Amino acid sequence: MKIVVTGYTGQLGYDVVREGKQRGFQMYGTGSKDLDITNEQNVRAYITQLNPDAIIHCAAYTSVDLAEDDKERCYDVNVNGTRYLAEAAKETGAKFVYLSTDYVFDGKGTNAFTESDQPNPIGYYGKTKYKGEQIIETMLSHFFIVRISWVFGINGSNFIKTMRKLAESQPVVRVVGDQIGAPTYTRDLSILLLDMIQTEQYGIYHAANSGVCSWSDFAEELFKLDNRSVSVHPITSEEFPTKAKRPKNSRLSKAKLIENGFSPLPNWQDALARYLTELNDEVK
């Protein structure tokens, strides 16, 4: 199987390529230096020449706060880039996987959002990702839209690496405790995505790791597993103001995965433990 993976220099794209190679697939990972997805001609030429069986679109403008000011660039990457890749997929007949986000929802209430709930993004980043979803649904008859949250992986920066850095100099860290969701380990997610593209179970899916927690819960579990004597002080979102509003409820129902024969991702605590082992092995 020949697979193009955008966003190869990011956390998820890196692991998708790694997992695909382990399975013996022909993996073509692209970063922004390899393929400018905002250039329509370049995208069409690249995809047409390779003629892949599938495109897994992990690339995105993900700087949530910067997006509020850098709207043109965010739109260009998340909307135009997605459109050009979808057009190329349609022309070549490639299966298409679009990685979306919990930020397409407004975060109201306490129930887990299902795939059929109406998106209502509260920030510009979320609006562009939802626009990408709409483009995919309009242009393609066969697609996978996979919404994820709180991503962490070996390649690139993330919450865990930030917390570990802070723990080196601070005995107490203040972490938001009123935003609830689920972390997503890119190693686990990459396995699911590559399983998906070998099926025709198309549609919209939610695919974070199992279970839920707050960011402060996540930090506490991290320091416990990491054997660090750091105290976590939960604070409200209002005590940690950011340029872009974050959804307070990022719970995502993963029932559709099971209904369609896919294995749900392991529990987030288990994923965190395995990730820390991966991080520590890399240092050795």
Protein backbone atom coordinates (compact mmCIF):
# COMPACT_ATOMS: atom_id res chain seq x y z
CA MET A 1 0.00 0.00 0.00
CA LYS A 2 1.32 3.45 -0.96
CA ILE A 3 0.46 6.17 1.56
CA VAL A 4 1.17 9.91 1.63
CA VAL A 5 1.30 11.44 5.11
CA THR A 6 1.28 15.22 5.45
CA GLY A 7 2.71 16.81 8.59
CA TYR A 8 5.51 14.26 8.84
CA THR A 9 7.63 16.66 10.94
CA GLY A 10 4.87 16.85 13.56
CA GLN A 11 3.94 14.46 16.36
CA LEU A 12 1.28 12.40 14.61
CA GLY A 13 2.65 12.36 11.08
CA TYR A 14 5.98 11.07 12.37
CA ASP A 15 4.38 8.12 14.15
CA VAL A 16 2.04 7.29 11.27
CA VAL A 17 5.02 7.00 8.92
CA ARG A 18 6.93 4.95 11.49
CA GLU A 19 4.01 2.56 12.02
CA GLY A 20 3.39 2.25 8.28
CA LYS A 21 7.00 1.34 7.57
CA GLN A 22 6.84 -1.34 10.26
CA ARG A 23 3.86 -2.83 8.40
CA GLY A 24 5.76 -2.84 5.12
CA PHE A 25 3.77 -0.04 3.46
CA GLN A 26 5.35 2.49 1.08
CA MET A 27 5.25 5.62 3.22
CA TYR A 28 5.78 9.12 1.84
CA GLY A 29 6.00 11.58 4.71
CA THR A 30 5.97 15.25 3.76
CA GLY A 31 6.75 18.34 5.80
CA SER A 32 6.23 21.95 4.70
CA LYS A 33 9.70 21.98 3.12
CA ASP A 34 8.86 18.90 1.02
CA LEU A 35 5.36 19.90 -0.02
CA ASP A 36 3.69 23.29 0.42
CA ILE A 37 0.07 22.20 0.78
CA THR A 38 -1.08 25.81 0.25
CA ASN A 39 0.20 25.65 -3.35
CA GLU A 40 -2.51 24.01 -5.43
CA GLN A 41 -0.30 23.21 -8.41
CA ASN A 42 2.40 21.64 -6.24
CA VAL A 43 -0.14 19.49 -4.42
CA ARG A 44 -1.77 18.26 -7.62
CA ALA A 45 1.60 17.49 -9.25
CA TYR A 46 2.93 15.64 -6.18
CA ILE A 47 -0.16 13.50 -5.63
CA THR A 48 -0.69 12.80 -9.32
CA GLN A 49 2.90 11.66 -9.77
CA LEU A 50 2.85 9.37 -6.72
CA ASN A 51 -0.71 8.14 -7.29
CA PRO A 52 -1.05 6.90 -3.68
CA ASP A 53 -3.65 4.48 -2.36
CA ALA A 54 -4.33 6.77 0.59
CA ILE A 55 -3.60 10.24 1.95
CA ILE A 56 -3.47 10.76 5.71
CA HIS A 57 -3.68 14.51 6.23
CA CYS A 58 -2.01 15.29 9.57
CA ALA A 59 -0.58 18.71 8.61
CA ALA A 60 -2.30 21.71 10.18
CA TYR A 61 -1.82 25.16 11.61
CA THR A 62 -2.21 24.25 15.29
CA SER A 63 -1.00 27.35 17.17
CA VAL A 64 -4.39 28.01 18.73
CA ASP A 65 -3.59 31.41 20.22
CA LEU A 66 -1.54 32.70 17.29
CA ALA A 67 -4.38 31.76 14.96
CA GLU A 68 -6.53 34.54 16.45
CA ASP A 69 -4.18 37.12 14.89
CA ASP A 70 -2.58 35.12 12.06
CA LYS A 71 -5.92 34.28 10.47
CA GLU A 72 -4.83 34.42 6.85
CA ARG A 73 -2.05 31.86 7.32
CA CYS A 74 -4.23 29.64 9.50
CA TYR A 75 -6.99 29.64 6.87
CA ASP A 76 -4.52 29.02 4.06
CA VAL A 77 -3.10 25.91 5.74
CA ASN A 78 -6.19 24.44 7.37
CA VAL A 79 -8.78 25.27 4.72
CA ASN A 80 -7.06 25.82 1.37
CA GLY A 81 -4.44 23.13 2.00
CA THR A 82 -7.16 20.65 2.90
CA ARG A 83 -9.16 21.57 -0.20
CA TYR A 84 -6.20 21.07 -2.54
CA LEU A 85 -5.37 17.68 -1.03
CA ALA A 86 -9.01 16.59 -1.22
CA GLU A 87 -9.15 17.61 -4.89
CA ALA A 88 -6.02 15.58 -5.58
CA ALA A 89 -7.46 12.60 -3.71
CA LYS A 90 -10.63 12.81 -5.77
CA GLU A 91 -8.67 12.93 -9.03
CA THR A 92 -6.47 9.95 -8.14
CA GLY A 93 -9.05 7.90 -6.26
CA ALA A 94 -6.96 7.85 -3.07
CA LYS A 95 -8.66 7.17 0.26
CA PHE A 96 -8.58 10.30 2.39
CA VAL A 97 -8.10 10.67 6.15
CA TYR A 98 -8.53 14.14 7.66
CA LEU A 99 -7.39 14.75 11.24
CA SER A 100 -9.76 17.09 13.03
CA THR A 101 -10.11 18.24 16.61
CA ASP A 102 -12.25 18.59 19.73
CA TYR A 103 -12.03 22.35 19.06
CA VAL A 104 -14.85 22.05 16.49
CA PHE A 105 -17.19 21.90 19.52
CA ASP A 106 -18.08 24.73 21.92
CA GLY A 107 -17.30 22.68 25.05
CA LYS A 108 -20.65 23.31 26.71
CA GLY A 109 -22.24 20.80 29.09
CA THR A 110 -20.72 17.65 30.55
CA ASN A 111 -21.85 14.97 28.12
CA ALA A 112 -19.42 13.40 25.66
CA PHE A 113 -19.82 14.84 22.18
CA THR A 114 -20.85 12.29 19.56
CA GLU A 115 -19.88 12.31 15.89
CA SER A 116 -23.38 13.50 14.96
CA ASP A 117 -23.45 16.47 17.35
CA GLN A 118 -23.47 19.84 15.62
CA PRO A 119 -20.03 21.52 15.71
CA ASN A 120 -19.91 25.08 17.06
CA PRO A 121 -16.27 26.20 17.33
CA ILE A 122 -15.48 29.11 19.67
CA GLY A 123 -12.03 29.99 18.31
CA TYR A 124 -10.57 30.68 14.87
CA TYR A 125 -8.45 27.52 14.81
CA GLY A 126 -11.54 25.40 15.49
CA LYS A 127 -13.49 27.27 12.83
CA THR A 128 -10.87 26.51 10.18
CA LYS A 129 -10.72 22.84 11.16
CA TYR A 130 -14.51 22.60 10.93
CA LYS A 131 -14.39 24.32 7.54
CA GLY A 132 -11.92 21.60 6.50
CA GLU A 133 -14.43 18.96 7.60
CA GLN A 134 -17.16 20.59 5.53
CA ILE A 135 -14.91 20.66 2.46
CA ILE A 136 -14.15 16.96 2.82
CA GLU A 137 -17.82 16.05 3.23
CA THR A 138 -18.81 18.15 0.22
CA MET A 139 -16.06 17.06 -2.15
CA LEU A 140 -15.52 13.40 -1.34
CA SER A 141 -17.94 10.49 -1.16
CA HIS A 142 -15.45 8.23 0.67
CA PHE A 143 -13.49 9.73 3.57
CA PHE A 144 -12.46 9.36 7.19
CA ILE A 145 -12.69 12.40 9.46
CA VAL A 146 -11.00 11.60 12.77
CA ARG A 147 -11.38 14.06 15.64
CA ILE A 148 -8.70 13.91 18.32
CA SER A 149 -7.71 15.92 21.42
CA TRP A 150 -4.72 16.77 23.60
CA VAL A 151 -2.13 15.13 21.36
CA PHE A 152 1.26 13.91 22.58
CA GLY A 153 4.04 12.06 20.79
CA ILE A 154 7.79 11.60 20.69
CA ASN A 155 8.44 14.07 17.87
CA GLY A 156 7.82 17.71 18.72
CA SER A 157 6.62 19.74 21.69
CA ASN A 158 3.62 18.94 23.89
CA PHE A 159 2.10 19.40 27.34
CA ILE A 160 4.09 16.53 28.89
CA LYS A 161 7.45 17.88 27.77
CA THR A 162 6.47 21.34 29.02
CA MET A 163 5.46 19.99 32.45
CA ARG A 164 8.68 18.00 32.79
CA LYS A 165 10.69 21.12 31.97
CA LEU A 166 8.80 23.16 34.57
CA ALA A 167 9.32 20.42 37.16
CA GLU A 168 13.08 20.86 36.91
CA SER A 169 12.86 24.28 38.56
CA GLN A 170 9.45 24.56 40.21
CA PRO A 171 8.21 22.53 43.23
CA VAL A 172 4.63 23.66 42.53
CA VAL A 173 2.98 24.07 39.12
CA ARG A 174 -0.36 25.74 38.43
CA VAL A 175 -2.39 23.82 35.86
CA VAL A 176 -5.92 24.36 34.55
CA GLY A 177 -8.34 22.00 36.26
CA ASP A 178 -11.71 22.86 34.71
CA GLN A 179 -11.07 21.73 31.14
CA ILE A 180 -12.00 18.05 30.79
CA GLY A 181 -11.00 15.80 27.91
CA ALA A 182 -8.77 12.91 26.94
CA PRO A 183 -5.12 12.81 25.86
CA THR A 184 -4.27 11.17 22.53
CA TYR A 185 -1.00 9.22 22.21
CA THR A 186 0.18 9.35 18.61
CA ARG A 187 1.60 5.80 18.71
CA ASP A 188 -1.86 4.44 19.57
CA LEU A 189 -3.63 6.69 17.08
CA SER A 190 -1.29 5.80 14.21
CA ILE A 191 -2.19 2.12 14.63
CA LEU A 192 -5.90 2.96 14.37
CA LEU A 193 -5.47 5.22 11.33
CA LEU A 194 -3.56 2.57 9.41
CA ASP A 195 -6.17 -0.02 10.37
CA MET A 196 -8.90 2.33 9.12
CA ILE A 197 -7.52 2.90 5.64
CA GLN A 198 -7.50 -0.82 4.99
CA THR A 199 -11.30 -0.82 5.37
CA GLU A 200 -14.22 0.95 3.75
CA GLN A 201 -15.84 1.91 7.05
CA TYR A 202 -15.93 5.57 6.03
CA GLY A 203 -17.30 8.41 8.12
CA ILE A 204 -16.58 10.67 11.08
CA TYR A 205 -14.91 9.18 14.16
CA HIS A 206 -13.68 10.32 17.58
CA ALA A 207 -10.41 8.70 18.55
CA ALA A 208 -8.76 10.00 21.72
CA ASN A 209 -7.42 7.56 24.32
CA SER A 210 -10.04 6.02 26.63
CA GLY A 211 -11.07 7.72 29.86
CA VAL A 212 -11.18 11.43 30.72
CA CYS A 213 -9.22 13.82 32.91
CA SER A 214 -8.48 17.49 33.47
CA TRP A 215 -5.16 19.04 32.53
CA SER A 216 -4.27 19.14 36.23
CA ASP A 217 -5.17 15.42 36.56
CA PHE A 218 -2.94 14.74 33.58
CA ALA A 219 -0.05 16.61 35.19
CA GLU A 220 -0.51 14.80 38.53
CA GLU A 221 -0.43 11.40 36.85
CA LEU A 222 2.64 12.43 34.90
CA PHE A 223 4.59 13.45 37.99
CA LYS A 224 3.50 10.32 39.85
CA LEU A 225 4.67 8.01 37.05
CA ASP A 226 7.80 10.11 36.62
CA ASN A 227 8.64 9.90 40.36
CA ARG A 228 8.86 13.67 40.67
CA SER A 229 8.01 15.42 43.92
CA VAL A 230 6.06 18.25 42.30
CA SER A 231 2.75 19.55 43.60
CA VAL A 232 0.00 20.41 41.12
CA HIS A 233 -2.23 23.36 41.99
CA PRO A 234 -5.45 23.27 39.91
CA ILE A 235 -6.64 26.66 38.66
CA THR A 236 -9.61 27.84 36.61
CA SER A 237 -9.48 28.77 32.94
CA GLU A 238 -10.18 32.35 34.02
CA GLU A 239 -7.04 32.33 36.17
CA PHE A 240 -5.00 31.34 33.12
CA PRO A 241 -6.32 33.62 30.37
CA THR A 242 -5.30 32.86 26.79
CA LYS A 243 -5.80 34.66 23.50
CA ALA A 244 -8.14 31.93 22.25
CA LYS A 245 -10.92 30.42 24.35
CA ARG A 246 -10.60 26.69 25.00
CA PRO A 247 -13.59 24.36 25.23
CA LYS A 248 -14.10 23.32 28.86
CA ASN A 249 -15.76 20.06 27.86
CA SER A 250 -13.70 18.10 25.34
CA ARG A 251 -15.19 14.71 26.15
CA LEU A 252 -15.53 12.73 22.92
CA SER A 253 -17.70 9.63 22.62
CA LYS A 254 -15.77 6.80 20.96
CA ALA A 255 -18.74 4.42 20.67
CA LYS A 256 -18.78 4.62 16.87
CA LEU A 257 -15.29 3.09 16.69
CA ILE A 258 -16.52 -0.05 18.43
CA GLU A 259 -19.76 -0.13 16.40
CA ASN A 260 -17.72 -0.21 13.18
CA GLY A 261 -15.31 -2.91 14.31
CA PHE A 262 -12.34 -0.81 15.38
CA SER A 263 -10.50 -1.20 18.67
CA PRO A 264 -10.77 1.86 20.92
CA LEU A 265 -7.48 3.40 22.01
CA PRO A 266 -6.13 2.19 25.38
CA ASN A 267 -6.72 4.07 28.62
CA TRP A 268 -4.90 7.41 28.79
CA GLN A 269 -2.97 6.46 31.96
CA ASP A 270 -1.62 3.37 30.22
CA ALA A 271 -0.71 5.47 27.18
CA LEU A 272 1.11 8.01 29.35
CA ALA A 273 3.14 5.30 31.07
CA ARG A 274 4.22 3.83 27.73
CA TYR A 275 5.04 7.28 26.38
CA LEU A 276 7.29 8.07 29.36
CA THR A 277 9.13 4.79 28.73
CA GLU A 278 9.55 5.85 25.08
CA LEU A 279 10.83 9.28 26.14
CA ASN A 280 13.30 7.81 28.63
CA ASP A 281 14.55 5.23 26.13
CA GLU A 282 15.23 8.02 23.66
CA VAL A 283 17.42 9.82 26.20
CA LYS A 284 19.56 6.75 26.92
